[in-house]
């Protein structure tokens, strides 16, 4: 990957526990709104029975209409089960079930086009694919994607996790994915920082 300082090096996109450490904020050759001028979710957005977490506080409403009455305000970190998508062709509204068992409608995108949900478990798919070893989902990072570190990540000179450290990337650091590593689970990636190293 390439980090925001321009450094190029290797990072692991998964923790040892199988947690995804990167958030994709821009796909290569794809704008967040697909060029339509109106925000829409990428093709790998939430699907029925996925488990998601609110990235920020979200309003849960009785109906799909954004002007309908509020059921409750969901805090950041609230777990939701996706029940079904709404009628909007951009895939923004979803009927969900919250951690208290309430069913209602939320928007998965802000007015500015920011994705408000993080998928933590795909329907009928474990994080490790049943292999006992964590792997990235099929919609994981690809070359030229721009990602943000969810937590601090170590950037190394080589793909080997024992190689020398270039620097420690802080949470929120933007990275450009350059190429995947040789690991078939897709965990290591060569990245580039904002300084071009």
C-alpha atoms as a PDB file:
ATOM      1  CA  UNK A   1       0.000   0.000   0.000  1.00  0.00           C
ATOM      2  CA  UNK A   2       0.911   3.653  -0.209  1.00  0.00           C
ATOM      3  CA  UNK A   3       0.251   5.669   2.959  1.00  0.00           C
ATOM      4  CA  UNK A   4      -0.603   9.376   3.292  1.00  0.00           C
ATOM      5  CA  UNK A   5       3.104  10.274   3.581  1.00  0.00           C
ATOM      6  CA  UNK A   6       3.946   8.568   0.280  1.00  0.00           C
ATOM      7  CA  UNK A   7       5.660   5.538   1.843  1.00  0.00           C
ATOM      8  CA  UNK A   8       5.270   2.186   0.100  1.00  0.00           C
ATOM      9  CA  UNK A   9       5.284  -0.972   2.144  1.00  0.00           C
ATOM     10  CA  UNK A  10       3.356  -4.038   3.269  1.00  0.00           C
ATOM     11  CA  UNK A  11       0.475  -4.194   5.732  1.00  0.00           C
ATOM     12  CA  UNK A  12      -1.883  -6.910   6.898  1.00  0.00           C
ATOM     13  CA  UNK A  13      -5.542  -6.138   6.160  1.00  0.00           C
ATOM     14  CA  UNK A  14      -6.661  -8.609   8.878  1.00  0.00           C
ATOM     15  CA  UNK A  15      -5.771  -8.961  12.539  1.00  0.00           C
ATOM     16  CA  UNK A  16      -4.775 -12.369  13.913  1.00  0.00           C
ATOM     17  CA  UNK A  17      -8.329 -12.610  15.289  1.00  0.00           C
ATOM     18  CA  UNK A  18      -9.831 -12.093  11.818  1.00  0.00           C
ATOM     19  CA  UNK A  19     -10.921  -8.461  12.223  1.00  0.00           C
ATOM     20  CA  UNK A  20     -10.776  -6.386   9.039  1.00  0.00           C
ATOM     21  CA  UNK A  21      -8.333  -3.507   9.626  1.00  0.00           C
ATOM     22  CA  UNK A  22      -9.066  -1.416   6.525  1.00  0.00           C
ATOM     23  CA  UNK A  23     -12.137   0.401   5.313  1.00  0.00           C
ATOM     24  CA  UNK A  24     -12.422   0.979   1.559  1.00  0.00           C
ATOM     25  CA  UNK A  25     -13.369   4.607   0.957  1.00  0.00           C
ATOM     26  CA  UNK A  26     -12.914   4.731  -2.829  1.00  0.00           C
ATOM     27  CA  UNK A  27     -12.792   1.897  -5.338  1.00  0.00           C
ATOM     28  CA  UNK A  28     -10.333   2.188  -8.211  1.00  0.00           C
ATOM     29  CA  UNK A  29     -12.028   3.856 -11.206  1.00  0.00           C
ATOM     30  CA  UNK A  30     -15.334   4.189  -9.317  1.00  0.00           C
ATOM     31  CA  UNK A  31     -16.775   7.237  -7.594  1.00  0.00           C
ATOM     32  CA  UNK A  32     -18.944   6.879  -4.509  1.00  0.00           C
ATOM     33  CA  UNK A  33     -21.979   7.995  -6.506  1.00  0.00           C
ATOM     34  CA  UNK A  34     -21.254   6.022  -9.665  1.00  0.00           C
ATOM     35  CA  UNK A  35     -21.111   9.305 -11.609  1.00  0.00           C
ATOM     36  CA  UNK A  36     -24.855   9.893 -11.228  1.00  0.00           C
ATOM     37  CA  UNK A  37     -24.567  12.943  -8.999  1.00  0.00           C
ATOM     38  CA  UNK A  38     -26.493  11.044  -6.306  1.00  0.00           C
ATOM     39  CA  UNK A  39     -24.833   8.820  -3.719  1.00  0.00           C
ATOM     40  CA  UNK A  40     -25.390   5.070  -3.927  1.00  0.00           C
ATOM     41  CA  UNK A  41     -23.950   2.068  -2.125  1.00  0.00           C
ATOM     42  CA  UNK A  42     -21.234   0.026  -3.853  1.00  0.00           C
ATOM     43  CA  UNK A  43     -22.167  -3.401  -5.226  1.00  0.00           C
ATOM     44  CA  UNK A  44     -20.804  -5.065  -2.093  1.00  0.00           C
ATOM     45  CA  UNK A  45     -23.156  -3.152   0.241  1.00  0.00           C
ATOM     46  CA  UNK A  46     -25.390  -4.733   2.889  1.00  0.00           C
ATOM     47  CA  UNK A  47     -27.617  -7.702   2.013  1.00  0.00           C
ATOM     48  CA  UNK A  48     -30.462  -9.401   3.917  1.00  0.00           C
ATOM     49  CA  UNK A  49     -29.269 -11.279   7.019  1.00  0.00           C
ATOM     50  CA  UNK A  50     -25.902  -9.430   7.097  1.00  0.00           C
ATOM     51  CA  UNK A  51     -24.883  -8.135  10.510  1.00  0.00           C
ATOM     52  CA  UNK A  52     -23.725  -4.520  10.464  1.00  0.00           C
ATOM     53  CA  UNK A  53     -22.530  -1.926  12.966  1.00  0.00           C
ATOM     54  CA  UNK A  54     -23.479   1.763  12.858  1.00  0.00           C
ATOM     55  CA  UNK A  55     -20.366   3.864  12.157  1.00  0.00           C
ATOM     56  CA  UNK A  56     -22.085   6.930  13.638  1.00  0.00           C
ATOM     57  CA  UNK A  57     -25.450   7.590  15.246  1.00  0.00           C
ATOM     58  CA  UNK A  58     -28.322   6.725  12.860  1.00  0.00           C
ATOM     59  CA  UNK A  59     -32.038   7.437  13.078  1.00  0.00           C
ATOM     60  CA  UNK A  60     -34.363   4.395  12.941  1.00  0.00           C
ATOM     61  CA  UNK A  61     -37.832   5.184  11.530  1.00  0.00           C
ATOM     62  CA  UNK A  62     -41.190   3.384  11.318  1.00  0.00           C
ATOM     63  CA  UNK A  63     -41.336   3.619   7.529  1.00  0.00           C
ATOM     64  CA  UNK A  64     -38.910   3.840   4.632  1.00  0.00           C
ATOM     65  CA  UNK A  65     -39.753   7.531   4.121  1.00  0.00           C
ATOM     66  CA  UNK A  66     -37.114   9.785   5.743  1.00  0.00           C
ATOM     67  CA  UNK A  67     -39.943  11.973   7.076  1.00  0.00           C
ATOM     68  CA  UNK A  68     -41.700   9.158   8.967  1.00  0.00           C
ATOM     69  CA  UNK A  69     -41.741   9.048  12.777  1.00  0.00           C
ATOM     70  CA  UNK A  70     -38.582   8.079  14.638  1.00  0.00           C
ATOM     71  CA  UNK A  71     -38.493   4.794  16.576  1.00  0.00           C
ATOM     72  CA  UNK A  72     -35.135   5.537  18.220  1.00  0.00           C
ATOM     73  CA  UNK A  73     -31.700   6.963  17.616  1.00  0.00           C
ATOM     74  CA  UNK A  74     -29.151   4.184  17.166  1.00  0.00           C
ATOM     75  CA  UNK A  75     -25.738   4.954  18.687  1.00  0.00           C
ATOM     76  CA  UNK A  76     -22.408   4.390  16.947  1.00  0.00           C
ATOM     77  CA  UNK A  77     -21.436   0.751  17.449  1.00  0.00           C
ATOM     78  CA  UNK A  78     -25.043  -0.537  17.546  1.00  0.00           C
ATOM     79  CA  UNK A  79     -25.347  -3.967  15.881  1.00  0.00           C
ATOM     80  CA  UNK A  80     -28.079  -4.355  13.285  1.00  0.00           C
ATOM     81  CA  UNK A  81     -29.374  -7.249  11.232  1.00  0.00           C
ATOM     82  CA  UNK A  82     -30.330  -6.294   7.684  1.00  0.00           C
ATOM     83  CA  UNK A  83     -33.851  -7.593   6.981  1.00  0.00           C
ATOM     84  CA  UNK A  84     -34.560  -6.221   3.504  1.00  0.00           C
ATOM     85  CA  UNK A  85     -33.588  -3.366   1.181  1.00  0.00           C
ATOM     86  CA  UNK A  86     -35.999  -0.538   0.482  1.00  0.00           C
ATOM     87  CA  UNK A  87     -37.507   0.448  -2.850  1.00  0.00           C
ATOM     88  CA  UNK A  88     -34.837   3.095  -3.574  1.00  0.00           C
ATOM     89  CA  UNK A  89     -32.809   1.794  -6.576  1.00  0.00           C
ATOM     90  CA  UNK A  90     -29.614   3.252  -5.054  1.00  0.00           C
ATOM     91  CA  UNK A  91     -29.985   0.789  -2.165  1.00  0.00           C
ATOM     92  CA  UNK A  92     -29.839   3.375   0.601  1.00  0.00           C
ATOM     93  CA  UNK A  93     -32.794   2.485   2.880  1.00  0.00           C
ATOM     94  CA  UNK A  94     -32.892  -0.834   4.712  1.00  0.00           C
ATOM     95  CA  UNK A  95     -35.326  -2.461   7.089  1.00  0.00           C
ATOM     96  CA  UNK A  96     -33.255  -3.618  10.054  1.00  0.00           C
ATOM     97  CA  UNK A  97     -33.605  -5.266  13.440  1.00  0.00           C
ATOM     98  CA  UNK A  98     -31.622  -3.595  16.225  1.00  0.00           C
ATOM     99  CA  UNK A  99     -30.007  -5.172  19.299  1.00  0.00           C
ATOM    100  CA  UNK A 100     -33.225  -4.580  21.293  1.00  0.00           C
ATOM    101  CA  UNK A 101     -35.365  -6.436  18.743  1.00  0.00           C
ATOM    102  CA  UNK A 102     -36.932  -3.277  17.250  1.00  0.00           C
ATOM    103  CA  UNK A 103     -37.648  -3.391  13.524  1.00  0.00           C
ATOM    104  CA  UNK A 104     -37.495  -0.215  11.481  1.00  0.00           C
ATOM    105  CA  UNK A 105     -35.922   1.634   8.568  1.00  0.00           C
ATOM    106  CA  UNK A 106     -32.501   3.279   8.398  1.00  0.00           C
ATOM    107  CA  UNK A 107     -30.499   4.938   5.647  1.00  0.00           C
ATOM    108  CA  UNK A 108     -27.144   3.271   4.941  1.00  0.00           C
ATOM    109  CA  UNK A 109     -25.804   6.491   3.362  1.00  0.00           C
ATOM    110  CA  UNK A 110     -25.621  10.066   4.599  1.00  0.00           C
ATOM    111  CA  UNK A 111     -26.832  12.922   2.385  1.00  0.00           C
ATOM    112  CA  UNK A 112     -23.141  13.557   1.576  1.00  0.00           C
ATOM    113  CA  UNK A 113     -22.679   9.979   0.339  1.00  0.00           C
ATOM    114  CA  UNK A 114     -20.803   8.607   3.375  1.00  0.00           C
ATOM    115  CA  UNK A 115     -21.450   4.942   4.161  1.00  0.00           C
ATOM    116  CA  UNK A 116     -23.005   4.754   7.643  1.00  0.00           C
ATOM    117  CA  UNK A 117     -22.808   0.981   8.199  1.00  0.00           C
ATOM    118  CA  UNK A 118     -19.914  -1.419   8.497  1.00  0.00           C
ATOM    119  CA  UNK A 119     -20.614  -5.034   7.583  1.00  0.00           C
ATOM    120  CA  UNK A 120     -19.175  -7.269  10.301  1.00  0.00           C
ATOM    121  CA  UNK A 121     -20.664 -10.597   9.215  1.00  0.00           C
ATOM    122  CA  UNK A 122     -22.084 -11.651   5.857  1.00  0.00           C
ATOM    123  CA  UNK A 123     -25.197 -13.842   5.831  1.00  0.00           C
ATOM    124  CA  UNK A 124     -24.267 -17.543   5.781  1.00  0.00           C
ATOM    125  CA  UNK A 125     -20.547 -16.724   5.753  1.00  0.00           C
ATOM    126  CA  UNK A 126     -18.164 -16.878   8.684  1.00  0.00           C
ATOM    127  CA  UNK A 127     -15.278 -14.431   8.838  1.00  0.00           C
ATOM    128  CA  UNK A 128     -12.839 -17.287   8.272  1.00  0.00           C
ATOM    129  CA  UNK A 129     -14.818 -19.130   5.584  1.00  0.00           C
ATOM    130  CA  UNK A 130     -14.891 -22.198   7.840  1.00  0.00           C
ATOM    131  CA  UNK A 131     -11.155 -22.806   7.379  1.00  0.00           C
ATOM    132  CA  UNK A 132     -10.128 -21.937  10.926  1.00  0.00           C
ATOM    133  CA  UNK A 133      -7.981 -19.123   9.542  1.00  0.00           C
ATOM    134  CA  UNK A 134      -9.245 -15.608   8.854  1.00  0.00           C
ATOM    135  CA  UNK A 135      -9.593 -14.401   5.280  1.00  0.00           C
ATOM    136  CA  UNK A 136     -10.912 -11.244   3.648  1.00  0.00           C
ATOM    137  CA  UNK A 137     -14.375 -11.297   2.040  1.00  0.00           C
ATOM    138  CA  UNK A 138     -14.624 -11.291  -1.771  1.00  0.00           C
ATOM    139  CA  UNK A 139     -15.226  -7.538  -1.772  1.00  0.00           C
ATOM    140  CA  UNK A 140     -11.925  -6.792   0.005  1.00  0.00           C
ATOM    141  CA  UNK A 141      -9.320  -4.261  -1.174  1.00  0.00           C
ATOM    142  CA  UNK A 142      -8.086  -4.271  -4.789  1.00  0.00           C
ATOM    143  CA  UNK A 143      -5.150  -2.472  -6.468  1.00  0.00           C
ATOM    144  CA  UNK A 144      -5.678   1.310  -6.725  1.00  0.00           C
ATOM    145  CA  UNK A 145      -8.428   1.315  -4.055  1.00  0.00           C
ATOM    146  CA  UNK A 146      -8.102   4.017  -1.414  1.00  0.00           C
ATOM    147  CA  UNK A 147      -8.550   2.700   2.126  1.00  0.00           C
ATOM    148  CA  UNK A 148      -8.442   4.076   5.654  1.00  0.00           C
ATOM    149  CA  UNK A 149      -6.879   2.268   8.621  1.00  0.00           C
ATOM    150  CA  UNK A 150      -9.578   1.384  11.166  1.00  0.00           C
ATOM    151  CA  UNK A 151      -6.912   1.069  13.881  1.00  0.00           C
ATOM    152  CA  UNK A 152      -3.139   1.552  13.999  1.00  0.00           C
ATOM    153  CA  UNK A 153      -1.376  -0.781  11.543  1.00  0.00           C
ATOM    154  CA  UNK A 154       2.322  -1.615  11.153  1.00  0.00           C
ATOM    155  CA  UNK A 155       3.815  -0.939   7.689  1.00  0.00           C
ATOM    156  CA  UNK A 156       6.791  -3.183   6.825  1.00  0.00           C
ATOM    157  CA  UNK A 157       9.480  -3.278   4.130  1.00  0.00           C
ATOM    158  CA  UNK A 158       8.564  -6.802   3.029  1.00  0.00           C
ATOM    159  CA  UNK A 159       5.490  -9.029   3.036  1.00  0.00           C
ATOM    160  CA  UNK A 160       6.922 -11.130   5.897  1.00  0.00           C
ATOM    161  CA  UNK A 161       5.430 -10.071   9.260  1.00  0.00           C
ATOM    162  CA  UNK A 162       8.914 -10.307  10.782  1.00  0.00           C
ATOM    163  CA  UNK A 163      10.508  -7.816   8.346  1.00  0.00           C
ATOM    164  CA  UNK A 164      11.651  -4.367   9.519  1.00  0.00           C
ATOM    165  CA  UNK A 165       9.026  -1.732  10.250  1.00  0.00           C
ATOM    166  CA  UNK A 166       8.840   1.354   8.009  1.00  0.00           C
ATOM    167  CA  UNK A 167       6.395   3.165  10.292  1.00  0.00           C
ATOM    168  CA  UNK A 168       3.270   2.714  12.368  1.00  0.00           C
ATOM    169  CA  UNK A 169       0.183   3.947  10.537  1.00  0.00           C
ATOM    170  CA  UNK A 170      -2.367   5.652  12.811  1.00  0.00           C
ATOM    171  CA  UNK A 171      -6.118   5.000  12.716  1.00  0.00           C
ATOM    172  CA  UNK A 172      -7.616   7.163   9.981  1.00  0.00           C
ATOM    173  CA  UNK A 173      -4.486   7.087   7.772  1.00  0.00           C
ATOM    174  CA  UNK A 174      -5.350   6.935   4.049  1.00  0.00           C
ATOM    175  CA  UNK A 175      -3.604   4.270   1.975  1.00  0.00           C
ATOM    176  CA  UNK A 176      -3.505   3.356  -1.689  1.00  0.00           C
ATOM    177  CA  UNK A 177      -3.523  -0.401  -2.360  1.00  0.00           C
ATOM    178  CA  UNK A 178      -0.738  -1.248  -4.841  1.00  0.00           C
ATOM    179  CA  UNK A 179      -0.879  -5.043  -5.028  1.00  0.00           C
ATOM    180  CA  UNK A 180      -1.916  -8.078  -2.974  1.00  0.00           C
ATOM    181  CA  UNK A 181       0.667 -10.338  -1.394  1.00  0.00           C
ATOM    182  CA  UNK A 182       1.237 -14.021  -2.059  1.00  0.00           C
ATOM    183  CA  UNK A 183      -0.960 -15.193   0.869  1.00  0.00           C
ATOM    184  CA  UNK A 184      -4.030 -16.916  -0.683  1.00  0.00           C
ATOM    185  CA  UNK A 185      -6.252 -15.502   2.089  1.00  0.00           C
ATOM    186  CA  UNK A 186      -5.514 -11.985   0.760  1.00  0.00           C
ATOM    187  CA  UNK A 187      -4.248 -10.550   4.020  1.00  0.00           C
ATOM    188  CA  UNK A 188      -0.995  -8.795   3.075  1.00  0.00           C
ATOM    189  CA  UNK A 189      -1.018  -5.855   0.686  1.00  0.00           C
ATOM    190  CA  UNK A 190       1.721  -3.635  -0.693  1.00  0.00           C
ATOM    191  CA  UNK A 191       0.643  -0.054  -0.017  1.00  0.00           C
ATOM    192  CA  UNK A 192       1.869   3.460  -0.757  1.00  0.00           C
ATOM    193  CA  UNK A 193       1.732   6.478   1.567  1.00  0.00           C
ATOM    194  CA  UNK A 194       1.090  10.131   0.647  1.00  0.00           C
ATOM    195  CA  UNK A 195       4.823  10.853   0.229  1.00  0.00           C
ATOM    196  CA  UNK A 196       5.038   8.265  -2.544  1.00  0.00           C
ATOM    197  CA  UNK A 197       7.379   5.870  -0.708  1.00  0.00           C
END
